[in-house]
C-alpha atoms as a PDB file:
ATOM      1  CA  MET A   1       0.144  -0.187  -0.198  1.00  0.00           C
ATOM      2  CA  ASN A   2       1.295   3.152  -0.657  1.00  0.00           C
ATOM      3  CA  GLU A   3       2.340   4.756   2.761  1.00  0.00           C
ATOM      4  CA  THR A   4       1.616   8.174   1.826  1.00  0.00           C
ATOM      5  CA  LEU A   5      -2.327   7.519   1.929  1.00  0.00           C
ATOM      6  CA  GLU A   6      -5.057   6.405   4.586  1.00  0.00           C
ATOM      7  CA  HIS A   7      -6.739   4.196   1.987  1.00  0.00           C
ATOM      8  CA  MET A   8      -5.926   2.005  -1.188  1.00  0.00           C
ATOM      9  CA  ASN A   9      -6.634   4.179  -4.057  1.00  0.00           C
ATOM     10  CA  ILE A  10      -8.550   3.732  -7.659  1.00  0.00           C
ATOM     11  CA  GLU A  11      -5.452   3.404  -9.715  1.00  0.00           C
ATOM     12  CA  GLU A  12      -3.826   0.361  -6.955  1.00  0.00           C
ATOM     13  CA  ILE A  13      -6.421  -1.143  -6.864  1.00  0.00           C
ATOM     14  CA  THR A  14      -7.075  -1.116 -11.002  1.00  0.00           C
ATOM     15  CA  ALA A  15      -3.524  -2.287 -10.793  1.00  0.00           C
ATOM     16  CA  LEU A  16      -3.974  -5.224  -8.968  1.00  0.00           C
ATOM     17  CA  LEU A  17      -6.207  -6.840 -12.246  1.00  0.00           C
ATOM     18  CA  ASP A  18      -4.824  -4.689 -14.714  1.00  0.00           C
ATOM     19  CA  GLY A  19      -2.421  -7.461 -17.013  1.00  0.00           C
ATOM     20  CA  ARG A  20      -4.119 -10.746 -15.531  1.00  0.00           C
ATOM     21  CA  ASP A  21      -5.073 -12.909 -18.611  1.00  0.00           C
ATOM     22  CA  GLY A  22      -8.358 -11.997 -20.259  1.00  0.00           C
ATOM     23  CA  ILE A  23      -9.333  -8.925 -18.142  1.00  0.00           C
ATOM     24  CA  LEU A  24     -11.274  -5.601 -19.515  1.00  0.00           C
ATOM     25  CA  ILE A  25     -11.457  -2.940 -17.692  1.00  0.00           C
ATOM     26  CA  VAL A  26     -14.282  -0.269 -18.774  1.00  0.00           C
ATOM     27  CA  THR A  27     -14.450   3.341 -17.294  1.00  0.00           C
ATOM     28  CA  PRO A  28     -16.835   5.128 -19.172  1.00  0.00           C
ATOM     29  CA  GLY A  29     -16.270   8.628 -20.020  1.00  0.00           C
ATOM     30  CA  PRO A  30     -17.805  11.453 -22.371  1.00  0.00           C
ATOM     31  CA  GLY A  31     -18.258  10.322 -26.021  1.00  0.00           C
ATOM     32  CA  ASP A  32     -18.404   6.891 -25.232  1.00  0.00           C
ATOM     33  CA  GLY A  33     -21.867   6.042 -25.740  1.00  0.00           C
ATOM     34  CA  SER A  34     -22.237   5.462 -22.080  1.00  0.00           C
ATOM     35  CA  PRO A  35     -24.860   6.623 -18.987  1.00  0.00           C
ATOM     36  CA  GLU A  36     -23.523   9.838 -18.021  1.00  0.00           C
ATOM     37  CA  LEU A  37     -24.149   8.670 -14.664  1.00  0.00           C
ATOM     38  CA  SER A  38     -21.503   5.723 -14.939  1.00  0.00           C
ATOM     39  CA  TRP A  39     -18.455   8.351 -16.390  1.00  0.00           C
ATOM     40  CA  GLY A  40     -15.610   8.125 -13.947  1.00  0.00           C
ATOM     41  CA  ASP A  41     -16.775   4.782 -12.850  1.00  0.00           C
ATOM     42  CA  THR A  42     -14.481   1.720 -13.059  1.00  0.00           C
ATOM     43  CA  PHE A  43     -15.810  -1.944 -14.709  1.00  0.00           C
ATOM     44  CA  PHE A  44     -13.868  -5.017 -14.251  1.00  0.00           C
ATOM     45  CA  TYR A  45     -14.582  -7.918 -16.919  1.00  0.00           C
ATOM     46  CA  TYR A  46     -13.396 -11.550 -17.456  1.00  0.00           C
ATOM     47  CA  ALA A  47     -13.766 -10.800 -21.612  1.00  0.00           C
ATOM     48  CA  PRO A  48     -10.432 -12.484 -23.365  1.00  0.00           C
ATOM     49  CA  ASP A  49     -11.964 -11.412 -26.267  1.00  0.00           C
ATOM     50  CA  GLY A  50     -11.736  -7.484 -25.383  1.00  0.00           C
ATOM     51  CA  VAL A  51     -15.410  -7.304 -26.012  1.00  0.00           C
ATOM     52  CA  VAL A  52     -17.899  -6.165 -22.703  1.00  0.00           C
ATOM     53  CA  PRO A  53     -19.874  -9.211 -22.639  1.00  0.00           C
ATOM     54  CA  THR A  54     -23.366  -9.227 -23.848  1.00  0.00           C
ATOM     55  CA  THR A  55     -24.466 -11.857 -21.044  1.00  0.00           C
ATOM     56  CA  GLY A  56     -23.593 -11.846 -17.261  1.00  0.00           C
ATOM     57  CA  GLN A  57     -22.113  -8.559 -15.500  1.00  0.00           C
ATOM     58  CA  PRO A  58     -18.740  -7.202 -14.477  1.00  0.00           C
ATOM     59  CA  PHE A  59     -17.004  -9.665 -11.336  1.00  0.00           C
ATOM     60  CA  ALA A  60     -16.049  -6.010 -10.073  1.00  0.00           C
ATOM     61  CA  THR A  61     -16.444  -2.150 -10.044  1.00  0.00           C
ATOM     62  CA  ILE A  62     -14.956   0.981  -8.395  1.00  0.00           C
ATOM     63  CA  VAL A  63     -17.805   3.480  -8.232  1.00  0.00           C
ATOM     64  CA  THR A  64     -17.048   7.208  -7.561  1.00  0.00           C
ATOM     65  CA  LYS A  65     -20.978   8.607  -6.637  1.00  0.00           C
ATOM     66  CA  ASN A  66     -24.175   8.018  -5.252  1.00  0.00           C
ATOM     67  CA  TYR A  67     -26.508   5.860  -7.462  1.00  0.00           C
ATOM     68  CA  PRO A  68     -30.249   6.164  -7.351  1.00  0.00           C
ATOM     69  CA  GLY A  69     -31.393   4.434  -4.378  1.00  0.00           C
ATOM     70  CA  ASP A  70     -28.287   3.441  -3.306  1.00  0.00           C
ATOM     71  CA  GLU A  71     -26.692   6.721  -1.611  1.00  0.00           C
ATOM     72  CA  GLU A  72     -26.291   4.872   1.766  1.00  0.00           C
ATOM     73  CA  SER A  73     -22.959   4.259   1.359  1.00  0.00           C
ATOM     74  CA  ARG A  74     -22.660   8.302   0.942  1.00  0.00           C
ATOM     75  CA  LEU A  75     -19.985   8.345  -1.871  1.00  0.00           C
ATOM     76  CA  ASP A  76     -20.780  11.836  -2.349  1.00  0.00           C
ATOM     77  CA  ARG A  77     -17.935  12.902   0.292  1.00  0.00           C
ATOM     78  CA  PRO A  78     -14.879  13.861  -1.021  1.00  0.00           C
ATOM     79  CA  LYS A  79     -12.007  11.555  -1.931  1.00  0.00           C
ATOM     80  CA  THR A  80     -14.640   8.257  -1.154  1.00  0.00           C
ATOM     81  CA  PHE A  81     -15.090   5.846  -3.181  1.00  0.00           C
ATOM     82  CA  ARG A  82     -16.336   1.956  -2.567  1.00  0.00           C
ATOM     83  CA  VAL A  83     -14.872  -1.025  -4.001  1.00  0.00           C
ATOM     84  CA  ASN A  84     -17.717  -3.849  -4.865  1.00  0.00           C
ATOM     85  CA  ILE A  85     -16.782  -7.445  -5.462  1.00  0.00           C
ATOM     86  CA  ALA A  86     -18.905 -10.475  -6.856  1.00  0.00           C
ATOM     87  CA  ALA A  87     -16.712 -13.073  -4.661  1.00  0.00           C
ATOM     88  CA  GLY A  88     -19.070 -15.827  -4.187  1.00  0.00           C
ATOM     89  CA  LYS A  89     -21.390 -17.696  -2.308  1.00  0.00           C
ATOM     90  CA  ASP A  90     -18.971 -18.836   0.214  1.00  0.00           C
ATOM     91  CA  ALA A  91     -16.778 -15.453   0.413  1.00  0.00           C
ATOM     92  CA  PHE A  92     -20.158 -13.910   1.096  1.00  0.00           C
ATOM     93  CA  LEU A  93     -21.068 -16.307   4.462  1.00  0.00           C
ATOM     94  CA  ASN A  94     -17.409 -16.215   5.489  1.00  0.00           C
ATOM     95  CA  TRP A  95     -17.361 -12.004   5.602  1.00  0.00           C
ATOM     96  CA  THR A  96     -21.235 -11.554   6.526  1.00  0.00           C
ATOM     97  CA  GLY A  97     -22.098 -14.478   8.497  1.00  0.00           C
ATOM     98  CA  HIS A  98     -25.049 -15.318   6.355  1.00  0.00           C
ATOM     99  CA  GLU A  99     -26.364 -16.321   3.090  1.00  0.00           C
ATOM    100  CA  PRO A 100     -26.607 -14.140   0.515  1.00  0.00           C
ATOM    101  CA  ARG A 101     -30.603 -14.193   0.293  1.00  0.00           C
ATOM    102  CA  GLU A 102     -30.917 -14.217   4.360  1.00  0.00           C
ATOM    103  CA  PRO A 103     -31.505 -10.605   6.431  1.00  0.00           C
ATOM    104  CA  ALA A 104     -28.355  -9.530   7.633  1.00  0.00           C
ATOM    105  CA  THR A 105     -27.932  -9.921  11.592  1.00  0.00           C
ATOM    106  CA  GLY A 106     -25.707  -6.821  12.059  1.00  0.00           C
ATOM    107  CA  ASP A 107     -26.092  -3.071  11.462  1.00  0.00           C
ATOM    108  CA  THR A 108     -22.918  -2.119   9.868  1.00  0.00           C
ATOM    109  CA  ASP A 109     -23.578   1.555   8.500  1.00  0.00           C
ATOM    110  CA  PRO A 110     -22.451   1.171   4.305  1.00  0.00           C
ATOM    111  CA  SER A 111     -20.679   4.722   4.711  1.00  0.00           C
ATOM    112  CA  THR A 112     -18.102   2.926   7.242  1.00  0.00           C
ATOM    113  CA  ALA A 113     -14.579   2.821   5.665  1.00  0.00           C
ATOM    114  CA  ASP A 114     -12.003   0.419   5.518  1.00  0.00           C
ATOM    115  CA  THR A 115     -14.790  -2.692   6.753  1.00  0.00           C
ATOM    116  CA  VAL A 116     -15.837  -5.490   4.482  1.00  0.00           C
ATOM    117  CA  ILE A 117     -20.188  -5.802   4.119  1.00  0.00           C
ATOM    118  CA  ALA A 118     -22.582  -6.862   2.278  1.00  0.00           C
ATOM    119  CA  HIS A 119     -23.467  -4.294  -0.466  1.00  0.00           C
ATOM    120  CA  PRO A 120     -26.080  -2.150   0.467  1.00  0.00           C
ATOM    121  CA  VAL A 121     -28.210  -3.043  -2.945  1.00  0.00           C
ATOM    122  CA  TYR A 122     -26.693  -5.932  -4.727  1.00  0.00           C
ATOM    123  CA  GLY A 123     -25.875  -7.988  -1.319  1.00  0.00           C
ATOM    124  CA  THR A 124     -28.826 -10.337  -1.891  1.00  0.00           C
ATOM    125  CA  LEU A 125     -26.538 -11.340  -4.835  1.00  0.00           C
ATOM    126  CA  GLY A 126     -23.673 -12.229  -3.009  1.00  0.00           C
ATOM    127  CA  TRP A 127     -21.964  -8.668  -3.676  1.00  0.00           C
ATOM    128  CA  LEU A 128     -19.514  -7.208  -0.913  1.00  0.00           C
ATOM    129  CA  ALA A 129     -19.147  -3.926  -0.630  1.00  0.00           C
ATOM    130  CA  VAL A 130     -15.581  -1.630   0.869  1.00  0.00           C
ATOM    131  CA  VAL A 131     -15.768   1.737   0.972  1.00  0.00           C
ATOM    132  CA  ASN A 132     -11.919   3.374   0.738  1.00  0.00           C
ATOM    133  CA  PRO A 133     -10.134   0.126   1.668  1.00  0.00           C
ATOM    134  CA  GLY A 134      -7.133   0.993   4.127  1.00  0.00           C
ATOM    135  CA  PRO A 135      -5.699  -1.205   6.876  1.00  0.00           C
ATOM    136  CA  ARG A 136      -8.334  -3.486   7.546  1.00  0.00           C
ATOM    137  CA  THR A 137      -9.341  -4.436   4.318  1.00  0.00           C
ATOM    138  CA  GLU A 138      -6.572  -4.495   1.879  1.00  0.00           C
ATOM    139  CA  THR A 139      -5.350  -8.349   2.638  1.00  0.00           C
ATOM    140  CA  ALA A 140      -9.334  -9.011   2.067  1.00  0.00           C
ATOM    141  CA  VAL A 141      -9.513  -6.532  -1.141  1.00  0.00           C
ATOM    142  CA  ARG A 142      -7.093  -8.037  -2.734  1.00  0.00           C
ATOM    143  CA  ASP A 143      -7.831 -11.923  -1.646  1.00  0.00           C
ATOM    144  CA  LEU A 144     -11.737 -11.211  -3.010  1.00  0.00           C
ATOM    145  CA  LEU A 145     -10.546  -9.653  -6.127  1.00  0.00           C
ATOM    146  CA  THR A 146      -8.278 -12.524  -7.267  1.00  0.00           C
ATOM    147  CA  THR A 147     -11.390 -14.616  -6.153  1.00  0.00           C
ATOM    148  CA  ALA A 148     -13.959 -13.518  -7.634  1.00  0.00           C
ATOM    149  CA  TYR A 149     -11.749 -13.014 -11.331  1.00  0.00           C
ATOM    150  CA  GLY A 150     -11.142 -16.595 -10.885  1.00  0.00           C
ATOM    151  CA  LEU A 151     -14.795 -17.447 -10.531  1.00  0.00           C
ATOM    152  CA  ALA A 152     -15.257 -15.354 -13.390  1.00  0.00           C
ATOM    153  CA  ARG A 153     -12.563 -17.276 -15.640  1.00  0.00           C
ATOM    154  CA  SER A 154     -14.229 -20.449 -14.534  1.00  0.00           C
ATOM    155  CA  ARG A 155     -17.984 -19.070 -15.591  1.00  0.00           C
ATOM    156  CA  HIS A 156     -16.653 -18.156 -19.032  1.00  0.00           C
ATOM    157  CA  GLU A 157     -14.659 -21.409 -19.438  1.00  0.00           C
ATOM    158  CA  ARG A 158     -17.975 -23.143 -18.717  1.00  0.00           C
ATOM    159  CA  ARG A 159     -19.606 -21.581 -21.107  1.00  0.00           C
ATOM    160  CA  ALA A 160     -17.500 -21.565 -23.702  1.00  0.00           C
ATOM    161  CA  GLU A 161     -17.382 -25.514 -23.221  1.00  0.00           C
ATOM    162  CA  THR A 162     -21.254 -25.315 -23.242  1.00  0.00           C
ATOM    163  CA  THR A 163     -21.792 -22.808 -26.624  1.00  0.00           C
ATOM    164  CA  PRO A 164     -21.688 -25.162 -29.890  1.00  0.00           C
ATOM    165  CA  SER A 165     -19.077 -23.588 -31.994  1.00  0.00           C
END
């Protein structure tokens, strides 16, 4: 981790995945046809052909602002972002203590920095989230991103095996 910062930055997190086999990193911006709301956020796909998949979704994202219906993380604060990770049911259970579709038993404030939580909107789908990862969660974020990448790659390979040529 960069010792001059309190938390990991977006560039560090992106660098963790950049260069891995089959990774496609998309950061929407003006003029690329993406919705303005997504501009500046980062989406990580397993896409060995270099094309955003038409089915499925990214295995991780970094969001830098509130989205409609997703204001609880308070990403409108200066220098605040959230890493969202689809690390699978086992990782979700390990970090939250419950299955994705079960109600949460804790009352973790989604705006709390440097804490692994169920995603405030997509937790029921097994997504985890960390606002401003820092010393407590840096290793977890690295491990969860590696797990999510592996799961996305495995899903892609299974689909490729079952898709007729």
